[in-house]
Amino acid sequence: MFPRLLALAVPLVIATVPAQAVEVSGSLTTLAYSQQRFDVEGDADQLPLFEFLALDVRDLGPAPLSLHLDGFTKLDLREQTRGHDLQGELTYAYLQWHDRTTGVDLRAGRHFVRQGVASEYLDGASVDWLSGQGVGVELFAGQQVDGDFGGNTGDVEGGGRLYLRRGHYEVGLSGMEARDNDQPGFARYGLDGWGALGPVSASGHAFWDRLSEEVYDSELLLTWDATQKLLFTADVDRILPSLLLSHTSIFGNEIFTTGEQREIGLRADYRLTDHLQLAADTRQYDFSEGDDEWVAGGEARLRWGARMDREVGLRYEHEELAQSTHLFGRYNQELARTTHRFALARLYYALDFTLYDFDEPPFPANRRHFSHDTVATVGAELGEAWEASLSLDYGARADYRDFTTTTSGGETVRVPATVESEGLSSRDATNATFRLVYKFL
């Protein structure tokens, strides 16, 4: 209902503003790609067509007022898997009042809210006010877009954050609560902050759930810029997935029982030259349910080009039971223009590749120890408004045709079609993507 009302309201709002005062920018992107899938029913070719719209309208009357829209529609042209049902989504659509003189940022509509303990996607309103003394207040209220609290009827949630911001640090206290038809849902509270002292910086948070009376998500990140070339990073994380994902599990959609998870990581980055960078890292995973795991690895990256956007790299990763090697790279080049017809402003091509080699086959059914993918792209910019590109993606795709379906416990499950098949196999295939962008200023 909300997207329809907004679609009707937007033209009316723009129409009431003098044309010379409105500043409009955005883009319209058409994306079509041919995709090969290998499923139990046989090969399935898909040709989905996407249309993306991004629109920003500024200076709607008063200078601080603006409108922001983003959404897409999708249609499968081959109709082999999804039919002709037109799918679409309004990603965000909101009015914004951003006044730098008073420090007020007010948003109303569909938008994302990230305020301490809250990371929500909602239809509602939010405000952020920062005083000249560095004391700030954030508030939000609305209905969760992807929520399923009792059928998404009568679901409301709201919260806020009080914070203190200085030049080298910030600390905040936050809280939020969700209700379903006036029935208590969940309530959460959090402490977060960041700070820097010389070459050392730190950030972190701790979020507490009132229903379980436990800290369900906590993280501490430390960064030490030891020299101009050497950087150390360390992090400690602890989560309870059953509570972290309980936006749905509390109301009965799905119950997660993965227990407590802890992670400790350490990474060192060393810039040997302006073009060559080395790195080493290790991470320990501690699961309360299941075996603990650890992984260590190292990598080298060589970058070059006028914008340092060409690179080739090699990474080795060692786990307790497996090892892998990853080779990757990217090369792009602008081509010389031989004509100015069609207002050709830029012609380019790019090549991206990645190759994984495993000591244990990731596709055990056909015993392949490697996985690969290569993407070749050629594109052109026409004038200031148009851009078109074509990409060919050749690589290994999971092959499900060695699987079949059966009924177990009243549910349909997928199992290997033969005893010899120990899992997925792979098959090389090529996907093609066409992209057309129109930018309006």
Protein backbone atom coordinates (compact mmCIF):
# COMPACT_ATOMS: atom_id res chain seq x y z
CA MET A 1 0.00 0.00 0.00
CA PHE A 2 2.78 2.43 0.91
CA PRO A 3 4.60 2.22 -2.46
CA ARG A 4 1.33 2.92 -4.32
CA LEU A 5 0.54 5.96 -2.21
CA LEU A 6 4.07 7.24 -2.67
CA ALA A 7 3.94 6.72 -6.43
CA LEU A 8 0.83 8.90 -6.54
CA ALA A 9 2.26 11.53 -4.21
CA VAL A 10 5.64 12.01 -5.92
CA PRO A 11 4.34 13.60 -9.16
CA LEU A 12 2.07 15.87 -7.14
CA VAL A 13 4.94 17.05 -4.96
CA ILE A 14 7.20 17.77 -7.93
CA ALA A 15 4.40 19.48 -9.86
CA THR A 16 3.86 22.02 -7.08
CA VAL A 17 7.49 23.18 -7.20
CA PRO A 18 8.64 25.78 -9.75
CA ALA A 19 10.58 24.05 -12.52
CA GLN A 20 13.53 26.40 -12.33
CA ALA A 21 14.05 25.58 -8.64
CA VAL A 22 14.21 21.79 -8.97
CA GLU A 23 17.54 19.99 -9.40
CA VAL A 24 16.99 16.48 -10.77
CA SER A 25 19.64 13.78 -11.14
CA GLY A 26 19.59 10.02 -11.43
CA SER A 27 19.89 7.09 -13.78
CA LEU A 28 17.81 4.50 -15.59
CA THR A 29 19.57 1.15 -16.05
CA THR A 30 18.45 -1.72 -18.26
CA LEU A 31 20.10 -5.06 -17.50
CA ALA A 32 19.54 -8.30 -19.39
CA TYR A 33 21.55 -11.48 -18.97
CA SER A 34 21.41 -15.00 -20.30
CA GLN A 35 22.03 -17.53 -17.55
CA GLN A 36 22.50 -21.29 -17.77
CA ARG A 37 21.42 -23.47 -14.84
CA PHE A 38 21.76 -27.22 -14.53
CA ASP A 39 18.90 -28.46 -12.37
CA VAL A 40 17.33 -31.83 -11.59
CA GLU A 41 14.67 -31.18 -14.21
CA GLY A 42 17.37 -30.61 -16.84
CA ASP A 43 19.13 -27.59 -18.29
CA ALA A 44 17.29 -24.32 -17.69
CA ASP A 45 18.13 -21.20 -19.66
CA GLN A 46 16.97 -17.93 -18.15
CA LEU A 47 16.83 -14.47 -19.71
CA PRO A 48 15.73 -12.08 -16.98
CA LEU A 49 15.31 -8.40 -17.80
CA PHE A 50 15.86 -5.83 -15.04
CA GLU A 51 15.00 -2.15 -15.03
CA PHE A 52 16.58 -0.04 -12.27
CA LEU A 53 15.60 3.53 -11.46
CA ALA A 54 17.53 5.90 -9.18
CA LEU A 55 16.21 9.45 -8.78
CA ASP A 56 17.27 12.40 -6.62
CA VAL A 57 15.24 15.62 -6.65
CA ARG A 58 16.73 18.50 -4.68
CA ASP A 59 15.60 22.02 -3.80
CA LEU A 60 11.94 21.11 -3.48
CA GLY A 61 10.85 24.57 -2.41
CA PRO A 62 13.02 25.15 0.66
CA ALA A 63 16.65 24.33 -0.07
CA PRO A 64 17.02 21.61 2.62
CA LEU A 65 14.11 19.54 1.20
CA SER A 66 14.84 16.71 -1.26
CA LEU A 67 13.30 13.50 -2.60
CA HIS A 68 15.12 10.20 -3.17
CA LEU A 69 13.83 7.14 -5.04
CA ASP A 70 15.33 3.78 -5.94
CA GLY A 71 13.65 0.63 -7.24
CA PHE A 72 13.62 -2.08 -9.88
CA THR A 73 11.37 -4.40 -11.88
CA LYS A 74 12.16 -7.86 -13.25
CA LEU A 75 10.72 -10.01 -16.02
CA ASP A 76 11.95 -13.41 -17.26
CA LEU A 77 11.67 -13.20 -21.04
CA ARG A 78 12.06 -16.94 -21.63
CA GLU A 79 9.34 -17.91 -19.15
CA GLN A 80 10.95 -21.29 -18.48
CA THR A 81 11.29 -20.93 -14.74
CA ARG A 82 9.38 -17.93 -13.45
CA GLY A 83 6.65 -17.27 -15.99
CA HIS A 84 5.59 -13.83 -17.12
CA ASP A 85 4.92 -12.51 -13.64
CA LEU A 86 6.37 -9.03 -13.42
CA GLN A 87 8.30 -8.64 -10.19
CA GLY A 88 9.44 -5.40 -8.65
CA GLU A 89 10.54 -3.71 -5.49
CA LEU A 90 10.74 -0.17 -4.21
CA THR A 91 14.14 -0.21 -2.50
CA TYR A 92 13.81 3.20 -0.93
CA ALA A 93 11.63 6.28 -1.37
CA TYR A 94 11.76 9.10 1.12
CA LEU A 95 11.60 12.84 1.61
CA GLN A 96 14.62 14.32 3.36
CA TRP A 97 15.10 17.59 5.22
CA HIS A 98 18.83 18.13 5.70
CA ASP A 99 19.67 21.48 7.27
CA ARG A 100 23.37 22.01 7.93
CA THR A 101 22.80 25.23 9.87
CA THR A 102 20.66 23.58 12.55
CA GLY A 103 22.19 20.08 12.32
CA VAL A 104 18.82 18.42 11.59
CA ASP A 105 18.49 15.45 9.20
CA LEU A 106 14.85 14.28 8.93
CA ARG A 107 13.68 11.45 6.67
CA ALA A 108 10.14 10.19 6.02
CA GLY A 109 9.25 7.23 3.81
CA ARG A 110 10.95 3.93 2.99
CA HIS A 111 14.60 4.03 4.00
CA PHE A 112 17.35 2.32 5.98
CA VAL A 113 17.97 3.23 9.61
CA ARG A 114 21.30 2.50 11.29
CA GLN A 115 21.30 3.90 14.80
CA GLY A 116 23.38 1.92 17.28
CA VAL A 117 21.51 -1.26 18.13
CA ALA A 118 19.05 -0.66 15.28
CA SER A 119 19.79 -1.67 11.71
CA GLU A 120 16.32 -1.54 10.17
CA TYR A 121 14.65 -1.29 6.78
CA LEU A 122 11.34 0.42 7.40
CA ASP A 123 8.43 2.51 6.21
CA GLY A 124 8.43 5.35 8.69
CA ALA A 125 10.38 8.37 9.87
CA SER A 126 13.77 9.03 11.43
CA VAL A 127 15.59 12.11 12.66
CA ASP A 128 19.21 12.85 13.52
CA TRP A 129 20.09 16.08 15.31
CA LEU A 130 23.63 17.10 16.26
CA SER A 131 24.09 20.20 18.38
CA GLY A 132 27.00 22.57 18.14
CA GLN A 133 28.35 21.14 21.41
CA GLY A 134 28.69 17.65 19.90
CA VAL A 135 25.65 16.12 21.64
CA GLY A 136 23.37 14.26 19.24
CA VAL A 137 19.98 12.55 19.30
CA GLU A 138 18.64 9.99 16.82
CA LEU A 139 15.03 8.74 16.80
CA PHE A 140 13.04 6.46 14.49
CA ALA A 141 9.62 4.79 14.27
CA GLY A 142 7.76 2.83 11.63
CA GLN A 143 6.92 -0.58 10.20
CA GLN A 144 9.60 -3.01 9.12
CA VAL A 145 9.50 -3.58 5.35
CA ASP A 146 10.69 -7.20 5.44
CA GLY A 147 9.09 -8.03 8.76
CA ASP A 148 6.68 -10.88 9.31
CA PHE A 149 5.33 -10.09 12.72
CA GLY A 150 1.97 -11.83 12.61
CA GLY A 151 1.48 -11.27 8.89
CA ASN A 152 2.97 -7.78 8.91
CA THR A 153 -0.27 -6.17 10.12
CA GLY A 154 -0.03 -3.82 13.06
CA ASP A 155 3.72 -4.32 13.42
CA VAL A 156 5.48 -1.25 14.74
CA GLU A 157 8.97 -0.59 16.00
CA GLY A 158 10.83 2.40 17.27
CA GLY A 159 13.91 3.48 19.13
CA GLY A 160 16.67 6.00 19.38
CA ARG A 161 20.27 6.79 20.20
CA LEU A 162 21.93 9.44 22.35
CA TYR A 163 25.55 10.15 21.47
CA LEU A 164 28.47 12.43 22.20
CA ARG A 165 30.82 13.28 19.32
CA ARG A 166 34.20 14.94 19.61
CA GLY A 167 37.06 15.32 17.17
CA HIS A 168 38.76 12.01 18.02
CA TYR A 169 35.99 9.90 19.55
CA GLU A 170 32.27 9.17 19.71
CA VAL A 171 30.23 7.16 22.21
CA GLY A 172 26.53 6.33 22.04
CA LEU A 173 23.71 4.65 23.97
CA SER A 174 20.80 3.19 21.99
CA GLY A 175 17.64 1.17 22.36
CA MET A 176 14.72 -0.12 20.32
CA GLU A 177 11.50 -2.06 20.77
CA ALA A 178 9.19 -3.92 18.37
CA ARG A 179 5.54 -4.79 18.93
CA ASP A 180 3.01 -6.92 17.08
CA ASN A 181 -0.59 -5.73 17.48
CA ASP A 182 0.24 -4.24 20.88
CA GLN A 183 1.88 -7.49 21.99
CA PRO A 184 5.49 -7.25 23.23
CA GLY A 185 7.97 -8.35 20.59
CA PHE A 186 11.57 -7.69 21.56
CA ALA A 187 13.53 -4.92 23.21
CA ARG A 188 17.24 -4.32 22.77
CA TYR A 189 19.78 -1.90 24.13
CA GLY A 190 23.30 -1.12 23.03
CA LEU A 191 26.54 0.70 23.68
CA ASP A 192 28.79 1.68 20.77
CA GLY A 193 31.66 3.98 20.02
CA TRP A 194 34.92 4.69 18.26
CA GLY A 195 38.06 6.61 19.04
CA ALA A 196 41.62 7.32 17.92
CA LEU A 197 44.78 8.05 19.88
CA GLY A 198 47.81 8.66 17.73
CA PRO A 199 48.42 5.67 15.43
CA VAL A 200 45.93 3.46 17.34
CA SER A 201 42.19 3.49 16.69
CA ALA A 202 39.39 1.39 18.15
CA SER A 203 35.70 0.81 17.51
CA GLY A 204 33.16 -1.56 18.92
CA HIS A 205 29.70 -2.27 20.25
CA ALA A 206 27.78 -4.48 22.67
CA PHE A 207 24.06 -5.19 22.16
CA TRP A 208 21.85 -6.65 24.91
CA ASP A 209 18.51 -8.44 24.50
CA ARG A 210 15.95 -7.90 27.27
CA LEU A 211 13.98 -11.08 26.59
CA SER A 212 16.95 -13.42 27.05
CA GLU A 213 18.89 -11.04 29.30
CA GLU A 214 22.06 -11.72 27.31
CA VAL A 215 24.55 -9.81 25.21
CA TYR A 216 23.79 -11.26 21.78
CA ASP A 217 26.22 -9.28 19.61
CA SER A 218 29.53 -7.71 20.57
CA GLU A 219 32.60 -6.66 18.61
CA LEU A 220 35.90 -4.90 19.24
CA LEU A 221 38.12 -3.76 16.37
CA LEU A 222 41.65 -2.41 16.92
CA THR A 223 43.86 -0.84 14.27
CA TRP A 224 47.51 0.10 14.72
CA ASP A 225 49.17 2.11 11.96
CA ALA A 226 52.67 1.06 13.02
CA THR A 227 54.53 2.77 10.17
CA GLN A 228 53.62 4.39 6.89
CA LYS A 229 53.89 0.94 5.31
CA LEU A 230 52.79 -1.48 8.06
CA LEU A 231 49.24 -1.78 9.39
CA PHE A 232 47.96 -4.24 12.03
CA THR A 233 44.28 -5.06 12.55
CA ALA A 234 42.74 -7.23 15.27
CA ASP A 235 39.12 -8.01 16.06
CA VAL A 236 37.14 -10.01 18.60
CA ASP A 237 33.50 -10.94 17.91
CA ARG A 238 30.83 -12.80 19.85
CA ILE A 239 27.30 -13.45 18.62
CA LEU A 240 24.27 -15.54 19.50
CA PRO A 241 22.71 -16.21 16.06
CA SER A 242 19.38 -17.26 17.55
CA LEU A 243 18.99 -13.74 18.96
CA LEU A 244 20.81 -11.84 16.25
CA LEU A 245 18.32 -13.20 13.70
CA SER A 246 15.32 -13.22 16.03
CA HIS A 247 13.40 -10.55 14.16
CA THR A 248 11.64 -13.57 12.65
CA SER A 249 12.46 -16.39 15.07
CA ILE A 250 10.73 -14.72 18.04
CA PHE A 251 7.48 -14.75 16.09
CA GLY A 252 7.78 -18.36 15.05
CA ASN A 253 9.07 -18.24 11.46
CA GLU A 254 12.31 -20.06 12.12
CA ILE A 255 14.23 -21.06 15.22
CA PHE A 256 18.02 -20.94 14.99
CA THR A 257 19.91 -23.21 17.39
CA THR A 258 23.51 -22.65 16.36
CA GLY A 259 24.51 -21.60 19.87
CA GLU A 260 27.26 -19.16 20.69
CA GLN A 261 29.92 -18.20 18.16
CA ARG A 262 33.19 -16.45 18.92
CA GLU A 263 35.81 -15.21 16.49
CA ILE A 264 39.28 -13.80 16.98
CA GLY A 265 41.18 -12.42 14.01
CA LEU A 266 44.54 -10.80 13.32
CA ARG A 267 45.79 -9.29 10.05
CA ALA A 268 48.96 -7.50 8.97
CA ASP A 269 49.24 -5.47 5.75
CA TYR A 270 52.63 -4.37 4.45
CA ARG A 271 53.09 -2.04 1.48
CA LEU A 272 56.42 -3.18 0.10
CA THR A 273 56.35 -0.65 -2.76
CA ASP A 274 53.75 1.67 -4.25
CA HIS A 275 52.64 -1.25 -6.43
CA LEU A 276 53.23 -4.38 -4.32
CA GLN A 277 51.28 -5.16 -1.13
CA LEU A 278 51.68 -8.21 1.12
CA ALA A 279 49.28 -9.45 3.79
CA ALA A 280 48.98 -12.26 6.32
CA ASP A 281 46.00 -13.15 8.50
CA THR A 282 44.67 -15.76 10.87
CA ARG A 283 41.25 -16.35 12.42
CA GLN A 284 39.97 -18.66 15.15
CA TYR A 285 36.32 -19.78 15.24
CA ASP A 286 34.93 -21.05 18.54
CA PHE A 287 31.48 -22.70 18.32
CA SER A 288 29.59 -23.79 21.42
CA GLU A 289 27.78 -26.33 19.21
CA GLY A 290 30.21 -28.09 16.87
CA ASP A 291 33.94 -28.28 16.34
CA ASP A 292 36.19 -25.25 16.61
CA GLU A 293 37.93 -24.09 13.45
CA TRP A 294 40.88 -21.95 12.50
CA VAL A 295 42.24 -20.62 9.25
CA ALA A 296 45.46 -18.83 8.30
CA GLY A 297 46.49 -17.32 5.02
CA GLY A 298 48.66 -14.90 3.13
CA GLU A 299 48.38 -12.96 -0.08
CA ALA A 300 50.31 -10.72 -2.45
CA ARG A 301 48.79 -8.07 -4.73
CA LEU A 302 50.49 -6.22 -7.55
CA ARG A 303 48.69 -3.07 -8.72
CA TRP A 304 49.54 -0.76 -11.59
CA GLY A 305 47.98 1.70 -14.01
CA ALA A 306 47.24 5.42 -13.86
CA ARG A 307 44.49 4.83 -11.27
CA MET A 308 46.08 1.70 -9.75
CA ASP A 309 43.00 -0.22 -10.87
CA ARG A 310 44.81 -3.09 -12.58
CA GLU A 311 45.96 -5.91 -10.38
CA VAL A 312 47.03 -9.51 -10.14
CA GLY A 313 47.16 -11.41 -6.88
CA LEU A 314 47.79 -14.76 -5.26
CA ARG A 315 46.34 -15.99 -1.96
CA TYR A 316 47.05 -19.19 -0.04
CA GLU A 317 44.70 -20.34 2.73
CA HIS A 318 45.28 -23.17 5.19
CA GLU A 319 42.58 -24.73 7.35
CA GLU A 320 42.82 -27.68 9.70
CA LEU A 321 41.42 -30.08 7.13
CA ALA A 322 41.86 -28.29 3.81
CA GLN A 323 44.10 -25.94 1.85
CA SER A 324 43.35 -23.75 -1.13
CA THR A 325 45.15 -21.42 -3.54
CA HIS A 326 43.41 -18.45 -5.14
CA LEU A 327 44.74 -16.65 -8.21
CA PHE A 328 42.90 -13.50 -9.27
CA GLY A 329 43.37 -10.43 -11.40
CA ARG A 330 41.86 -7.54 -13.31
CA TYR A 331 43.02 -5.68 -16.40
CA ASN A 332 41.25 -2.79 -18.12
CA GLN A 333 42.17 -0.52 -20.99
CA GLU A 334 40.67 2.47 -22.75
CA LEU A 335 40.72 2.11 -26.51
CA ALA A 336 41.66 4.89 -28.89
CA ARG A 337 38.66 6.46 -30.59
CA THR A 338 38.71 6.12 -34.36
CA THR A 339 35.45 8.00 -34.88
CA HIS A 340 33.39 10.70 -33.25
CA ARG A 341 30.16 9.39 -34.68
CA PHE A 342 27.35 8.80 -32.20
CA ALA A 343 29.16 11.24 -29.86
CA LEU A 344 31.50 8.44 -28.76
CA ALA A 345 33.15 9.75 -25.60
CA ARG A 346 34.92 6.64 -24.29
CA LEU A 347 35.57 3.07 -25.40
CA TYR A 348 36.99 0.48 -23.01
CA TYR A 349 37.37 -3.20 -22.21
CA ALA A 350 38.11 -5.14 -19.03
CA LEU A 351 39.12 -8.68 -18.11
CA ASP A 352 38.56 -10.23 -14.66
CA PHE A 353 39.59 -13.75 -13.73
CA THR A 354 39.70 -15.94 -10.66
CA LEU A 355 40.98 -19.49 -10.16
CA TYR A 356 40.62 -21.61 -7.02
CA ASP A 357 42.64 -24.78 -6.51
CA PHE A 358 41.69 -27.05 -3.57
CA ASP A 359 43.42 -30.04 -2.06
CA GLU A 360 39.95 -31.57 -1.63
CA PRO A 361 37.56 -31.41 -4.61
CA PRO A 362 34.79 -28.82 -4.11
CA PHE A 363 32.74 -30.77 -6.67
CA PRO A 364 33.24 -34.36 -5.46
CA ALA A 365 30.92 -35.93 -8.01
CA ASN A 366 33.30 -35.30 -10.91
CA ARG A 367 36.48 -35.06 -8.79
CA ARG A 368 37.42 -31.56 -9.91
CA HIS A 369 39.91 -29.89 -7.61
CA PHE A 370 39.46 -26.43 -9.03
CA SER A 371 36.88 -23.76 -9.75
CA HIS A 372 37.33 -20.89 -12.19
CA ASP A 373 35.60 -17.83 -13.59
CA THR A 374 36.56 -15.30 -16.29
CA VAL A 375 34.59 -12.16 -17.20
CA ALA A 376 35.34 -10.16 -20.35
CA THR A 377 33.63 -6.77 -20.75
CA VAL A 378 33.56 -4.22 -23.56
CA GLY A 379 31.75 -0.91 -23.17
CA ALA A 380 31.26 2.58 -24.55
CA GLU A 381 30.13 5.96 -23.27
CA LEU A 382 28.03 7.97 -25.72
CA GLY A 383 27.94 11.65 -24.94
CA GLU A 384 27.31 12.60 -21.32
CA ALA A 385 24.15 10.58 -20.80
CA TRP A 386 24.50 7.07 -22.25
CA GLU A 387 26.69 4.08 -21.43
CA ALA A 388 26.44 0.54 -22.81
CA SER A 389 28.44 -2.61 -22.06
CA LEU A 390 28.44 -6.31 -22.86
CA SER A 391 30.00 -8.93 -20.56
CA LEU A 392 30.70 -12.62 -21.15
CA ASP A 393 31.16 -14.71 -18.02
CA TYR A 394 32.73 -18.16 -18.51
CA GLY A 395 33.18 -20.36 -15.47
CA ALA A 396 32.26 -23.42 -13.44
CA ARG A 397 28.60 -23.72 -12.44
CA ALA A 398 27.13 -26.10 -9.89
CA ASP A 399 25.44 -29.03 -11.64
CA TYR A 400 22.39 -30.34 -9.78
CA ARG A 401 21.43 -32.89 -12.41
CA ASP A 402 23.11 -35.69 -10.45
CA PHE A 403 20.52 -35.07 -7.73
CA THR A 404 16.93 -36.17 -7.45
CA THR A 405 14.10 -35.42 -5.05
CA THR A 406 12.46 -37.74 -2.54
CA THR A 407 10.06 -37.51 0.39
CA SER A 408 11.39 -37.83 3.93
CA GLY A 409 9.32 -37.11 7.02
CA GLY A 410 6.61 -35.50 4.94
CA GLU A 411 9.08 -33.08 3.33
CA THR A 412 10.63 -33.04 -0.12
CA VAL A 413 14.44 -33.24 0.03
CA ARG A 414 17.24 -33.47 -2.54
CA VAL A 415 19.54 -36.51 -2.52
CA PRO A 416 22.29 -37.83 -4.85
CA ALA A 417 20.81 -39.68 -7.80
CA THR A 418 23.32 -42.54 -7.48
CA VAL A 419 25.36 -44.07 -4.69
CA GLU A 420 28.55 -43.16 -6.55
CA SER A 421 27.62 -39.48 -6.53
CA GLU A 422 29.01 -38.05 -3.30
CA GLY A 423 27.81 -34.53 -3.93
CA LEU A 424 27.62 -31.77 -6.50
CA SER A 425 29.39 -31.89 -9.80
CA SER A 426 30.23 -28.89 -11.97
CA ARG A 427 29.91 -27.90 -15.59
CA ASP A 428 31.50 -25.05 -17.50
CA ALA A 429 29.06 -22.54 -18.98
CA THR A 430 28.92 -19.02 -20.37
CA ASN A 431 26.57 -16.27 -19.21
CA ALA A 432 26.09 -13.02 -21.12
CA THR A 433 25.07 -9.67 -19.62
CA PHE A 434 24.00 -6.53 -21.49
CA ARG A 435 23.86 -3.24 -19.58
CA LEU A 436 22.46 0.08 -20.81
CA VAL A 437 22.53 3.18 -18.59
CA TYR A 438 20.91 6.55 -19.16
CA LYS A 439 21.99 9.32 -16.78
CA PHE A 440 19.87 12.41 -16.43
CA LEU A 441 21.27 15.54 -14.79
